[in-house]
């Protein structure tokens, strides 16, 4: 078996200039580029050209039509990174059915909770059909019990649907393309309605202006396909721009992160993205022999997105892999969200990291990003500049009254443009709360601008306010994670209302030691570093390994952590909390559970 070629399209390059996804697949299927799936050991397990993918998708689409699914019906698909998922997702496009990719379970434990969440998603989108990997069909069946879901099964069941008498009815211009559940929306799932036009606008801008896609480009990804960065960035955009993609499973990346870089080396990958923690995992596994086996000279866009960007992690990555030819100029910060399909802004290609150092206390007390002095200023806070908005898109920073703010003033981020969602499916009130009649989207993010380039400082709902000071939880988390006993992703900072009605800062830290003296020392060290770096008092709470909750996209869910803390789900230091007892002994199954 050989992988699909890099320059295999044999077509004039079209950068998502189509009316629909089905039309884009019709075009790319005339060439021989495609998708390649690798095992955790780096073996090529499947290679499917877009030509083959189109043929398979149309076959499944005929079965969906003949089975009686009406046009516009929704189909939930458990999004494993494999040929089955991409085939059925595209089959929906030809059948006139709207696909709804959702997360697969990431641990062995928590079966009941996963089924309950999946049931809410089925109800939230009014699903008429649902498909998942064969081993997860029992989960789907349990979630769909009593609901009006006509078809439930695994890939084989859907491939075997009879369809000889059915004609395809592709979704076209003006139709929806897919629903994307927003990460963290577990109580009442919010299905983001992405029209065909929004997808085309975003993919075109990403390819032409953000990445400047050209001949010789090839994508490599471990990002999950139920998340917008994986789905749009590394499935739909490559398809619509005639590029081949090499995939590895997210859980395989967590176990063997250097395999990501090995696949880039082997196939000459040029475009690949990761949140900061992915680069950090690679640094932790780097060795002289491993680096010497890599060739990263062709990796021209090492993208950054999906979480708050940590500059020090990226400096370590660039230093660790310089011997493999990695160029720091390849780092490309960006900003986006699923409600805008994916991307909103990109840094300038080739410029690498543009870092803004500001005075921490001025930022906290006045909401002003005043530049800090050069050198080792202990009051300095580093933020990544995430570039200018894509063409035809507009971004504003607004104060609490909705008035636009000038450069270097922190406020709420609003965006407008052709990539913005149609709304939350079936939820007009939720849509109206974030999307104005004239098309402005309230992102819920905080940030500021520098000469029009955007800087992200965090989520509004996560902001901690102590004695009138604005404190970003990431500042606390990153400072505490620098302690030798802790790792990246081990800490969550949040606030609760104390007995005197003032906000009390709680620092949850995943602890790996059981000795009482060592735990007491760690608690004291956490208090000390928060006092020294942030200038506030905190209450450390040591919790079990893998206890901190994550959203479906792998980000820390501080809101859920707060609810768990208030509900007493984190036991006092010294014992196993409920989350740890559920996951103890489980293998790492995704990058979200990685140290």
Protein backbone atom coordinates (compact mmCIF):
# COMPACT_ATOMS: atom_id res chain seq x y z
CA UNK A 1 0.00 0.00 0.00
CA UNK A 2 1.27 3.47 -0.88
CA UNK A 3 -0.04 6.84 0.20
CA UNK A 4 -1.85 9.17 -2.15
CA UNK A 5 0.48 11.57 -3.96
CA UNK A 6 1.21 15.10 -2.81
CA UNK A 7 0.75 16.71 -6.20
CA UNK A 8 -1.76 14.13 -7.32
CA UNK A 9 -4.73 16.25 -8.28
CA UNK A 10 -3.69 16.77 -11.93
CA UNK A 11 -6.14 19.63 -11.86
CA UNK A 12 -6.04 23.38 -11.93
CA UNK A 13 -5.89 24.47 -8.31
CA UNK A 14 -9.24 25.73 -7.04
CA UNK A 15 -9.29 27.19 -3.55
CA UNK A 16 -12.80 26.32 -2.36
CA UNK A 17 -14.47 28.19 -5.21
CA UNK A 18 -17.50 25.92 -5.28
CA UNK A 19 -21.17 26.31 -4.44
CA UNK A 20 -21.21 23.21 -2.25
CA UNK A 21 -19.06 20.52 -0.66
CA UNK A 22 -20.50 17.90 -3.02
CA UNK A 23 -19.43 20.00 -6.01
CA UNK A 24 -15.95 20.28 -4.49
CA UNK A 25 -15.71 16.49 -4.16
CA UNK A 26 -16.93 16.04 -7.73
CA UNK A 27 -14.02 18.21 -8.83
CA UNK A 28 -11.21 16.76 -6.72
CA UNK A 29 -12.32 13.22 -7.61
CA UNK A 30 -11.05 13.88 -11.15
CA UNK A 31 -7.50 13.71 -9.77
CA UNK A 32 -5.76 11.19 -7.53
CA UNK A 33 -5.04 13.03 -4.29
CA UNK A 34 -6.69 11.61 -1.18
CA UNK A 35 -6.63 10.69 2.50
CA UNK A 36 -4.19 8.41 4.31
CA UNK A 37 -4.65 6.81 7.72
CA UNK A 38 -1.72 5.72 9.89
CA UNK A 39 -1.57 3.39 12.88
CA UNK A 40 0.01 4.34 16.19
CA UNK A 41 3.23 2.65 15.04
CA UNK A 42 3.32 4.68 11.87
CA UNK A 43 2.11 2.00 9.46
CA UNK A 44 -0.14 3.09 6.61
CA UNK A 45 -3.39 1.27 7.36
CA UNK A 46 -5.59 2.81 4.64
CA UNK A 47 -5.15 5.07 1.63
CA UNK A 48 -8.26 6.26 -0.19
CA UNK A 49 -8.23 8.61 -3.17
CA UNK A 50 -10.92 11.25 -3.49
CA UNK A 51 -12.10 9.34 -6.55
CA UNK A 52 -12.73 6.23 -4.44
CA UNK A 53 -14.18 8.32 -1.64
CA UNK A 54 -16.72 9.93 -3.95
CA UNK A 55 -17.81 6.55 -5.33
CA UNK A 56 -18.25 5.11 -1.84
CA UNK A 57 -20.07 8.22 -0.60
CA UNK A 58 -22.57 8.16 -3.46
CA UNK A 59 -23.26 4.46 -2.81
CA UNK A 60 -24.08 5.14 0.85
CA UNK A 61 -26.07 8.25 -0.13
CA UNK A 62 -28.37 6.19 -2.35
CA UNK A 63 -29.02 3.88 0.59
CA UNK A 64 -29.89 6.81 2.87
CA UNK A 65 -32.35 8.17 0.31
CA UNK A 66 -33.98 4.80 -0.36
CA UNK A 67 -34.25 4.20 3.39
CA UNK A 68 -36.60 7.16 3.51
CA UNK A 69 -34.56 9.88 5.19
CA UNK A 70 -36.11 13.18 4.11
CA UNK A 71 -33.98 15.95 2.68
CA UNK A 72 -32.67 18.14 5.49
CA UNK A 73 -32.80 15.33 8.08
CA UNK A 74 -29.90 15.25 10.54
CA UNK A 75 -27.56 12.30 10.99
CA UNK A 76 -25.28 12.00 14.03
CA UNK A 77 -21.91 10.42 13.24
CA UNK A 78 -19.45 9.40 15.94
CA UNK A 79 -16.33 10.95 14.48
CA UNK A 80 -13.53 8.44 14.57
CA UNK A 81 -10.63 9.46 12.34
CA UNK A 82 -11.10 6.79 9.71
CA UNK A 83 -12.41 6.07 6.24
CA UNK A 84 -15.88 5.19 7.53
CA UNK A 85 -16.46 8.60 9.09
CA UNK A 86 -15.35 10.64 6.07
CA UNK A 87 -17.33 8.41 3.71
CA UNK A 88 -20.60 8.77 5.61
CA UNK A 89 -20.07 12.49 6.25
CA UNK A 90 -19.76 13.02 2.49
CA UNK A 91 -22.58 10.57 1.76
CA UNK A 92 -24.85 12.88 3.72
CA UNK A 93 -23.93 15.71 1.34
CA UNK A 94 -25.08 13.67 -1.67
CA UNK A 95 -28.19 12.39 0.10
CA UNK A 96 -29.38 15.84 1.15
CA UNK A 97 -28.89 14.88 4.81
CA UNK A 98 -27.12 17.17 7.29
CA UNK A 99 -24.26 15.38 9.11
CA UNK A 100 -23.64 16.06 12.79
CA UNK A 101 -20.15 14.91 13.87
CA UNK A 102 -19.86 14.19 17.60
CA UNK A 103 -17.08 13.07 19.90
CA UNK A 104 -16.23 9.47 20.57
CA UNK A 105 -15.66 8.42 24.21
CA UNK A 106 -12.07 9.04 25.26
CA UNK A 107 -11.85 6.72 28.26
CA UNK A 108 -13.13 3.30 29.18
CA UNK A 109 -14.99 4.68 32.20
CA UNK A 110 -17.90 7.07 32.24
CA UNK A 111 -20.09 4.98 29.91
CA UNK A 112 -23.37 6.17 31.42
CA UNK A 113 -22.32 9.82 31.33
CA UNK A 114 -21.26 9.50 27.69
CA UNK A 115 -24.54 7.86 26.70
CA UNK A 116 -26.51 10.57 28.51
CA UNK A 117 -24.56 13.29 26.68
CA UNK A 118 -25.00 11.50 23.37
CA UNK A 119 -28.74 11.26 23.97
CA UNK A 120 -28.89 15.03 24.54
CA UNK A 121 -27.09 15.54 21.24
CA UNK A 122 -29.48 13.22 19.39
CA UNK A 123 -32.41 15.13 20.88
CA UNK A 124 -30.77 18.52 20.35
CA UNK A 125 -30.46 18.07 16.59
CA UNK A 126 -33.56 15.92 16.10
CA UNK A 127 -31.45 13.16 14.57
CA UNK A 128 -33.15 10.78 12.14
CA UNK A 129 -30.11 8.49 11.88
CA UNK A 130 -26.92 7.75 13.78
CA UNK A 131 -23.72 5.86 12.94
CA UNK A 132 -20.59 5.02 14.86
CA UNK A 133 -17.74 2.50 14.94
CA UNK A 134 -19.00 -1.05 15.35
CA UNK A 135 -17.74 -1.31 18.93
CA UNK A 136 -19.72 1.81 19.90
CA UNK A 137 -23.04 0.82 18.32
CA UNK A 138 -24.35 -0.36 21.73
CA UNK A 139 -23.72 3.16 23.05
CA UNK A 140 -25.70 4.61 20.16
CA UNK A 141 -28.53 2.16 20.60
CA UNK A 142 -28.78 2.93 24.31
CA UNK A 143 -28.71 6.68 23.66
CA UNK A 144 -31.38 6.45 20.94
CA UNK A 145 -33.78 4.23 22.89
CA UNK A 146 -37.25 5.77 22.86
CA UNK A 147 -36.25 8.52 20.40
CA UNK A 148 -37.46 8.85 16.83
CA UNK A 149 -34.15 7.78 15.28
CA UNK A 150 -35.00 5.66 12.24
CA UNK A 151 -31.56 4.23 11.48
CA UNK A 152 -28.90 3.29 14.04
CA UNK A 153 -25.89 1.15 13.26
CA UNK A 154 -22.26 0.74 12.38
CA UNK A 155 -20.47 1.47 9.09
CA UNK A 156 -21.29 -1.95 7.59
CA UNK A 157 -25.01 -1.45 8.13
CA UNK A 158 -24.99 1.85 6.27
CA UNK A 159 -22.76 0.61 3.45
CA UNK A 160 -25.14 -2.33 2.96
CA UNK A 161 -28.31 -0.24 2.70
CA UNK A 162 -29.99 -1.02 -0.65
CA UNK A 163 -30.05 2.00 -2.91
CA UNK A 164 -30.42 0.83 -6.49
CA UNK A 165 -33.76 2.62 -6.93
CA UNK A 166 -32.66 5.94 -5.40
CA UNK A 167 -31.29 9.08 -7.01
CA UNK A 168 -28.89 11.34 -5.15
CA UNK A 169 -30.08 14.83 -4.17
CA UNK A 170 -26.94 16.79 -3.19
CA UNK A 171 -27.02 19.66 -0.75
CA UNK A 172 -26.31 22.78 -2.78
CA UNK A 173 -25.86 26.51 -2.60
CA UNK A 174 -28.16 27.95 0.04
CA UNK A 175 -28.41 24.67 1.97
CA UNK A 176 -26.87 23.81 5.31
CA UNK A 177 -23.64 21.80 5.24
CA UNK A 178 -23.31 20.35 8.75
CA UNK A 179 -24.04 20.97 12.42
CA UNK A 180 -21.09 21.35 14.79
CA UNK A 181 -21.76 20.99 18.51
CA UNK A 182 -19.94 23.68 20.44
CA UNK A 183 -17.32 22.28 22.81
CA UNK A 184 -18.42 22.13 26.40
CA UNK A 185 -22.13 22.37 25.56
CA UNK A 186 -23.21 19.35 27.58
CA UNK A 187 -26.28 20.47 29.53
CA UNK A 188 -28.15 21.74 26.50
CA UNK A 189 -26.05 20.98 23.43
CA UNK A 190 -25.82 23.81 20.94
CA UNK A 191 -25.60 22.63 17.34
CA UNK A 192 -23.86 25.29 15.28
CA UNK A 193 -25.56 25.52 11.88
CA UNK A 194 -22.86 25.95 9.22
CA UNK A 195 -24.26 26.74 5.74
CA UNK A 196 -22.51 25.68 2.56
CA UNK A 197 -21.71 29.33 1.84
CA UNK A 198 -20.05 29.86 5.23
CA UNK A 199 -17.88 26.78 4.76
CA UNK A 200 -16.78 27.89 1.29
CA UNK A 201 -16.00 31.41 2.46
CA UNK A 202 -13.90 30.19 5.37
CA UNK A 203 -12.04 27.46 3.47
CA UNK A 204 -11.28 29.87 0.63
CA UNK A 205 -9.90 32.50 2.99
CA UNK A 206 -7.90 29.92 4.96
CA UNK A 207 -6.35 28.49 1.80
CA UNK A 208 -5.72 31.69 -0.13
CA UNK A 209 -4.92 34.23 2.56
CA UNK A 210 -4.14 32.29 5.73
CA UNK A 211 -2.03 29.37 4.45
CA UNK A 212 -1.40 30.46 0.84
CA UNK A 213 -1.89 26.93 -0.40
CA UNK A 214 0.17 26.05 -3.47
CA UNK A 215 1.57 23.07 -5.35
CA UNK A 216 3.63 20.76 -3.17
CA UNK A 217 1.54 21.33 -0.05
CA UNK A 218 0.51 18.33 2.00
CA UNK A 219 -1.38 18.20 5.31
CA UNK A 220 -0.65 16.10 8.39
CA UNK A 221 -3.05 15.95 11.33
CA UNK A 222 -3.84 14.19 14.59
CA UNK A 223 -6.66 16.60 15.47
CA UNK A 224 -10.06 14.97 16.14
CA UNK A 225 -12.59 15.29 13.33
CA UNK A 226 -15.44 16.23 15.65
CA UNK A 227 -13.66 19.51 16.46
CA UNK A 228 -13.72 22.42 14.03
CA UNK A 229 -9.93 22.65 13.74
CA UNK A 230 -9.74 19.00 12.66
CA UNK A 231 -12.95 18.87 10.63
CA UNK A 232 -12.63 22.13 8.69
CA UNK A 233 -8.88 22.67 8.86
CA UNK A 234 -7.72 19.17 7.98
CA UNK A 235 -10.57 17.44 6.19
CA UNK A 236 -12.82 19.91 4.40
CA UNK A 237 -10.26 22.57 3.47
CA UNK A 238 -7.79 20.03 1.96
CA UNK A 239 -10.61 18.37 0.03
CA UNK A 240 -11.82 21.69 -1.32
CA UNK A 241 -8.27 22.69 -2.32
CA UNK A 242 -7.21 19.32 -3.80
CA UNK A 243 -4.62 18.37 -1.15
CA UNK A 244 -3.68 14.98 0.26
CA UNK A 245 -3.84 14.50 4.05
CA UNK A 246 -2.03 12.10 6.39
CA UNK A 247 -3.90 11.25 9.61
CA UNK A 248 -3.09 9.61 12.90
CA UNK A 249 -5.56 9.06 15.73
CA UNK A 250 -5.61 11.59 18.53
CA UNK A 251 -5.12 8.85 21.13
CA UNK A 252 -2.11 7.50 19.20
CA UNK A 253 -0.61 10.98 19.18
CA UNK A 254 -0.97 11.13 22.98
CA UNK A 255 1.03 7.92 23.31
CA UNK A 256 3.59 8.59 20.58
CA UNK A 257 3.66 12.32 19.81
CA UNK A 258 6.90 12.08 17.81
CA UNK A 259 5.09 9.87 15.30
CA UNK A 260 3.35 13.09 14.18
CA UNK A 261 6.73 14.56 13.28
CA UNK A 262 7.85 11.28 11.74
CA UNK A 263 4.90 11.29 9.34
CA UNK A 264 5.67 14.90 8.42
CA UNK A 265 9.23 13.79 7.69
CA UNK A 266 8.27 10.68 5.73
CA UNK A 267 5.75 12.28 3.38
CA UNK A 268 7.07 15.82 3.16
CA UNK A 269 4.22 17.40 5.11
CA UNK A 270 4.10 21.18 4.85
CA UNK A 271 0.93 22.14 6.76
CA UNK A 272 0.09 20.94 10.26
CA UNK A 273 -1.56 22.45 13.34
CA UNK A 274 -1.65 21.81 17.07
CA UNK A 275 -2.63 23.50 20.31
CA UNK A 276 0.35 24.45 22.49
CA UNK A 277 0.13 21.24 24.51
CA UNK A 278 0.86 19.15 21.42
CA UNK A 279 4.18 20.89 20.90
CA UNK A 280 4.87 20.50 24.61
CA UNK A 281 4.29 16.72 24.42
CA UNK A 282 6.84 16.49 21.62
CA UNK A 283 9.41 18.39 23.66
CA UNK A 284 8.92 16.00 26.57
CA UNK A 285 9.61 12.98 24.34
CA UNK A 286 12.47 14.50 22.35
CA UNK A 287 15.88 12.85 22.47
CA UNK A 288 19.03 13.37 20.45
CA UNK A 289 18.48 10.16 18.49
CA UNK A 290 14.81 10.92 17.84
CA UNK A 291 15.55 14.42 16.57
CA UNK A 292 18.36 13.18 14.31
CA UNK A 293 15.88 10.89 12.52
CA UNK A 294 13.57 13.78 11.59
CA UNK A 295 13.62 16.23 8.71
CA UNK A 296 11.30 19.17 9.33
CA UNK A 297 12.81 21.60 6.84
CA UNK A 298 9.74 21.47 4.60
CA UNK A 299 7.24 22.17 7.38
CA UNK A 300 6.35 25.71 6.38
CA UNK A 301 3.20 26.26 8.51
CA UNK A 302 3.35 24.96 12.07
CA UNK A 303 -0.01 26.30 13.05
CA UNK A 304 -1.19 27.27 16.52
CA UNK A 305 -4.79 27.36 17.67
CA UNK A 306 -7.41 25.71 19.81
CA UNK A 307 -6.22 27.04 23.16
CA UNK A 308 -4.29 29.90 24.75
CA UNK A 309 -0.86 29.95 23.09
CA UNK A 310 2.09 29.52 25.48
CA UNK A 311 5.18 31.26 24.03
CA UNK A 312 7.69 29.52 26.31
CA UNK A 313 6.48 26.09 25.15
CA UNK A 314 7.05 27.07 21.53
CA UNK A 315 10.52 28.42 22.21
CA UNK A 316 11.39 25.07 23.77
CA UNK A 317 10.01 23.23 20.74
CA UNK A 318 12.00 25.34 18.31
CA UNK A 319 15.16 24.78 20.32
CA UNK A 320 14.56 21.05 20.73
CA UNK A 321 13.94 20.42 17.02
CA UNK A 322 16.37 22.89 15.47
CA UNK A 323 18.62 19.92 14.72
CA UNK A 324 15.84 18.48 12.54
CA UNK A 325 15.72 21.65 10.47
CA UNK A 326 12.62 23.14 12.09
CA UNK A 327 12.37 26.88 11.47
CA UNK A 328 10.82 29.10 14.19
CA UNK A 329 9.45 31.19 11.34
CA UNK A 330 7.06 28.32 10.57
CA UNK A 331 5.01 29.05 13.69
CA UNK A 332 1.72 30.60 12.60
CA UNK A 333 -0.61 31.81 15.37
CA UNK A 334 -4.27 32.07 14.51
CA UNK A 335 -7.62 32.74 16.13
CA UNK A 336 -10.97 31.19 15.42
CA UNK A 337 -14.06 29.48 16.78
CA UNK A 338 -16.66 27.04 15.52
CA UNK A 339 -19.34 29.76 15.38
CA UNK A 340 -17.24 31.38 12.64
CA UNK A 341 -16.81 27.98 10.91
CA UNK A 342 -13.15 27.93 11.95
CA UNK A 343 -10.69 30.73 11.27
CA UNK A 344 -11.02 34.45 12.02
CA UNK A 345 -7.40 35.65 11.84
CA UNK A 346 -3.92 34.48 10.87
CA UNK A 347 -0.43 35.64 11.68
CA UNK A 348 1.82 36.56 8.78
CA UNK A 349 3.38 33.45 7.23
CA UNK A 350 7.10 33.25 7.83
CA UNK A 351 7.13 35.79 10.65
CA UNK A 352 6.92 33.19 13.39
CA UNK A 353 5.92 34.27 16.87
CA UNK A 354 4.99 37.89 17.40
CA UNK A 355 4.84 38.34 21.16
CA UNK A 356 3.43 41.33 23.01
CA UNK A 357 4.83 41.88 26.51
CA UNK A 358 2.53 43.96 28.69
CA UNK A 359 2.46 45.14 32.29
CA UNK A 360 0.52 42.53 34.21
CA UNK A 361 -0.85 44.81 36.91
CA UNK A 362 -1.89 47.54 34.49
CA UNK A 363 -3.76 44.93 32.50
CA UNK A 364 -5.46 43.60 35.62
CA UNK A 365 -6.36 46.92 37.20
CA UNK A 366 -7.23 49.09 34.20
CA UNK A 367 -7.80 46.67 31.32
CA UNK A 368 -4.99 48.34 29.37
CA UNK A 369 -2.29 46.37 27.54
CA UNK A 370 0.53 48.76 28.31
CA UNK A 371 3.87 47.58 26.89
CA UNK A 372 6.30 46.27 29.48
CA UNK A 373 9.97 47.14 29.66
CA UNK A 374 12.41 44.81 27.98
CA UNK A 375 14.44 42.40 30.08
CA UNK A 376 13.38 40.33 33.05
CA UNK A 377 10.46 42.39 34.23
CA UNK A 378 8.60 40.31 36.82
CA UNK A 379 5.48 42.36 36.12
CA UNK A 380 5.50 41.39 32.44
CA UNK A 381 2.91 39.12 30.84
CA UNK A 382 3.39 37.67 27.36
CA UNK A 383 0.57 37.39 24.85
CA UNK A 384 0.66 36.06 21.30
CA UNK A 385 -0.42 38.33 18.48
CA UNK A 386 -2.78 36.28 16.31
CA UNK A 387 -2.74 38.44 13.21
CA UNK A 388 -5.33 40.35 11.21
CA UNK A 389 -8.77 39.14 10.27
CA UNK A 390 -9.36 37.32 7.03
CA UNK A 391 -10.58 39.43 4.05
CA UNK A 392 -14.26 40.36 4.13
CA UNK A 393 -14.31 39.76 7.89
CA UNK A 394 -14.36 42.46 10.58
CA UNK A 395 -13.38 42.29 14.24
CA UNK A 396 -14.19 44.77 17.00
CA UNK A 397 -13.21 44.97 20.66
CA UNK A 398 -16.13 46.35 22.67
CA UNK A 399 -16.67 47.55 26.21
CA UNK A 400 -19.54 46.28 28.41
CA UNK A 401 -21.86 48.89 26.87
CA UNK A 402 -21.09 47.70 23.35
CA UNK A 403 -18.92 50.66 22.33
CA UNK A 404 -15.82 49.90 20.22
CA UNK A 405 -12.50 50.22 22.05
CA UNK A 406 -9.20 51.54 20.68
CA UNK A 407 -5.97 49.58 20.38
CA UNK A 408 -4.55 48.11 23.60
CA UNK A 409 -7.82 48.27 25.51
CA UNK A 410 -9.15 44.89 26.64
CA UNK A 411 -12.77 44.10 25.87
CA UNK A 412 -15.11 41.52 24.42
CA UNK A 413 -14.40 40.31 20.89
CA UNK A 414 -17.08 40.60 18.20
CA UNK A 415 -16.69 39.39 14.61
CA UNK A 416 -18.71 39.73 11.43
CA UNK A 417 -18.29 38.19 8.00
CA UNK A 418 -19.34 35.52 5.52
CA UNK A 419 -17.95 32.66 7.64
CA UNK A 420 -20.24 33.30 10.61
CA UNK A 421 -22.79 30.60 11.45
CA UNK A 422 -26.47 30.78 10.59
CA UNK A 423 -27.24 30.24 14.29
CA UNK A 424 -27.72 27.50 16.85
CA UNK A 425 -29.99 24.84 15.42
CA UNK A 426 -33.49 25.05 16.89
CA UNK A 427 -32.44 27.54 19.57
CA UNK A 428 -33.54 31.06 18.56
CA UNK A 429 -33.01 32.50 22.04
CA UNK A 430 -29.46 31.18 22.29
CA UNK A 431 -28.80 32.46 18.76
CA UNK A 432 -30.18 35.90 19.58
CA UNK A 433 -27.96 36.10 22.65
CA UNK A 434 -24.77 35.93 20.57
CA UNK A 435 -25.74 36.91 17.00
CA UNK A 436 -27.17 40.34 16.27
CA UNK A 437 -29.69 40.98 13.46
CA UNK A 438 -26.96 42.73 11.47
CA UNK A 439 -24.61 39.75 11.71
CA UNK A 440 -22.23 40.59 14.57
CA UNK A 441 -21.17 37.51 16.56
CA UNK A 442 -20.36 37.88 20.25
CA UNK A 443 -17.52 35.36 20.60
CA UNK A 444 -17.41 35.37 24.39
CA UNK A 445 -13.64 35.88 24.14
CA UNK A 446 -11.63 38.76 25.58
CA UNK A 447 -8.75 40.49 23.89
CA UNK A 448 -7.28 43.65 22.43
CA UNK A 449 -5.79 44.85 19.17
CA UNK A 450 -2.43 46.23 18.10
CA UNK A 451 -2.64 48.14 14.81
CA UNK A 452 -5.66 45.99 14.01
CA UNK A 453 -4.02 42.64 14.83
CA UNK A 454 -5.87 40.70 17.51
CA UNK A 455 -4.50 39.43 20.81
CA UNK A 456 -6.57 36.92 22.79
CA UNK A 457 -6.45 37.17 26.58
CA UNK A 458 -9.02 34.55 27.56
CA UNK A 459 -12.71 33.70 27.93
CA UNK A 460 -14.98 36.24 29.59
CA UNK A 461 -16.75 33.57 31.65
CA UNK A 462 -13.41 32.36 33.10
CA UNK A 463 -12.16 35.77 34.21
CA UNK A 464 -11.40 36.01 37.93
CA UNK A 465 -12.01 39.35 39.66
CA UNK A 466 -10.36 39.97 43.02
CA UNK A 467 -10.66 43.37 44.70
CA UNK A 468 -11.44 44.97 41.36
CA UNK A 469 -8.49 43.34 39.60
CA UNK A 470 -9.01 41.23 36.48
CA UNK A 471 -6.97 38.05 36.74
CA UNK A 472 -6.68 35.58 33.89
CA UNK A 473 -6.83 32.00 35.11
CA UNK A 474 -4.11 31.00 32.65
CA UNK A 475 -1.66 33.27 34.49
CA UNK A 476 -2.23 31.30 37.67
CA UNK A 477 -2.27 27.92 35.94
CA UNK A 478 0.92 28.43 33.96
CA UNK A 479 2.79 29.78 36.99
CA UNK A 480 1.76 26.81 39.14
CA UNK A 481 2.50 24.29 36.36
CA UNK A 482 6.12 25.43 36.43
CA UNK A 483 6.52 23.72 39.81
CA UNK A 484 8.63 20.56 39.36
CA UNK A 485 5.93 18.32 40.85
CA UNK A 486 3.39 19.32 38.18
CA UNK A 487 2.97 19.08 34.42
CA UNK A 488 1.21 21.06 31.71
CA UNK A 489 -2.54 20.62 32.01
CA UNK A 490 -2.39 19.70 35.70
CA UNK A 491 -3.93 22.91 37.05
CA UNK A 492 -7.28 24.71 36.97
CA UNK A 493 -7.79 28.13 38.52
CA UNK A 494 -11.29 29.32 39.31
CA UNK A 495 -13.14 31.54 41.73
CA UNK A 496 -16.09 31.07 44.01
CA UNK A 497 -17.98 33.45 46.26
CA UNK A 498 -16.59 33.10 49.77
CA UNK A 499 -18.34 33.45 53.10
CA UNK A 500 -17.79 37.21 53.12
CA UNK A 501 -19.24 37.50 49.60
CA UNK A 502 -15.79 38.17 48.14
CA UNK A 503 -14.35 35.99 45.42
CA UNK A 504 -12.07 33.23 46.67
CA UNK A 505 -9.50 31.81 44.26
CA UNK A 506 -9.33 28.02 44.16
CA UNK A 507 -6.40 26.26 42.51
CA UNK A 508 -7.09 22.63 41.61
CA UNK A 509 -3.89 20.69 41.02
CA UNK A 510 -3.61 17.08 39.85
CA UNK A 511 -1.27 15.42 42.32
CA UNK A 512 0.83 12.30 41.77
CA UNK A 513 2.29 11.91 45.27
CA UNK A 514 0.64 10.25 48.26
CA UNK A 515 3.09 11.10 51.03
CA UNK A 516 1.36 13.58 53.39
CA UNK A 517 4.47 15.69 53.86
CA UNK A 518 5.05 15.93 50.12
CA UNK A 519 1.42 16.93 49.57
CA UNK A 520 1.65 19.56 52.29
CA UNK A 521 4.83 20.91 50.71
CA UNK A 522 3.16 21.09 47.30
CA UNK A 523 0.20 22.95 48.78
CA UNK A 524 2.56 25.48 50.34
CA UNK A 525 4.51 25.85 47.11
CA UNK A 526 1.30 26.57 45.17
CA UNK A 527 0.31 29.26 47.65
CA UNK A 528 3.78 30.77 47.44
CA UNK A 529 4.04 30.93 43.67
CA UNK A 530 0.56 32.43 43.28
CA UNK A 531 1.37 35.01 45.95
CA UNK A 532 4.69 35.85 44.29
CA UNK A 533 3.64 35.91 40.62
CA UNK A 534 0.01 37.05 40.82
CA UNK A 535 0.01 38.88 44.15
CA UNK A 536 -3.09 37.22 45.61
CA UNK A 537 -3.94 34.53 48.13
CA UNK A 538 -5.39 31.23 46.95
CA UNK A 539 -6.72 27.97 48.32
CA UNK A 540 -4.95 24.97 46.73
CA UNK A 541 -6.91 21.73 46.38
CA UNK A 542 -4.98 18.61 45.39
CA UNK A 543 -7.02 16.27 43.21
CA UNK A 544 -6.38 12.94 41.54
CA UNK A 545 -4.65 12.26 38.27
CA UNK A 546 -6.82 12.99 35.21
CA UNK A 547 -9.47 14.46 37.51
CA UNK A 548 -9.82 17.82 35.80
CA UNK A 549 -12.72 17.88 33.32
CA UNK A 550 -12.24 18.65 29.64
CA UNK A 551 -14.53 19.89 26.91
CA UNK A 552 -15.17 17.76 23.81
CA UNK A 553 -12.35 19.66 22.06
CA UNK A 554 -9.86 18.86 24.81
CA UNK A 555 -9.78 22.23 26.52
CA UNK A 556 -9.93 22.56 30.29
CA UNK A 557 -13.55 23.11 31.35
CA UNK A 558 -13.25 25.55 34.23
CA UNK A 559 -17.01 25.99 34.45
CA UNK A 560 -17.49 22.25 34.97
CA UNK A 561 -14.56 22.13 37.39
CA UNK A 562 -16.27 24.86 39.40
CA UNK A 563 -19.53 22.90 39.49
CA UNK A 564 -17.68 19.74 40.53
CA UNK A 565 -15.86 21.61 43.30
CA UNK A 566 -19.05 23.16 44.66
CA UNK A 567 -20.76 19.76 44.52
CA UNK A 568 -17.97 18.19 46.57
CA UNK A 569 -16.80 15.89 43.80
CA UNK A 570 -13.14 16.66 44.49
CA UNK A 571 -12.28 14.87 47.72
CA UNK A 572 -9.83 16.41 50.24
CA UNK A 573 -6.12 15.83 49.66
CA UNK A 574 -5.02 12.33 50.51
CA UNK A 575 -7.85 10.32 48.95
CA UNK A 576 -9.04 9.41 45.51
CA UNK A 577 -11.70 11.71 44.11
CA UNK A 578 -14.54 10.34 42.02
CA UNK A 579 -12.98 11.35 38.70
CA UNK A 580 -9.76 9.55 39.51
CA UNK A 581 -11.47 6.43 40.72
CA UNK A 582 -13.35 6.23 37.39
CA UNK A 583 -10.21 6.53 35.32
CA UNK A 584 -7.57 4.88 37.47
CA UNK A 585 -5.64 2.30 35.51
CA UNK A 586 -6.95 3.41 32.12
CA UNK A 587 -4.57 3.90 29.23
CA UNK A 588 -4.17 7.37 27.83
CA UNK A 589 -6.74 7.46 25.09
CA UNK A 590 -6.42 10.97 23.74
CA UNK A 591 -4.25 14.04 23.91
CA UNK A 592 -6.68 15.47 26.43
CA UNK A 593 -5.58 12.89 28.97
CA UNK A 594 -1.90 13.27 28.20
CA UNK A 595 0.50 14.58 30.85
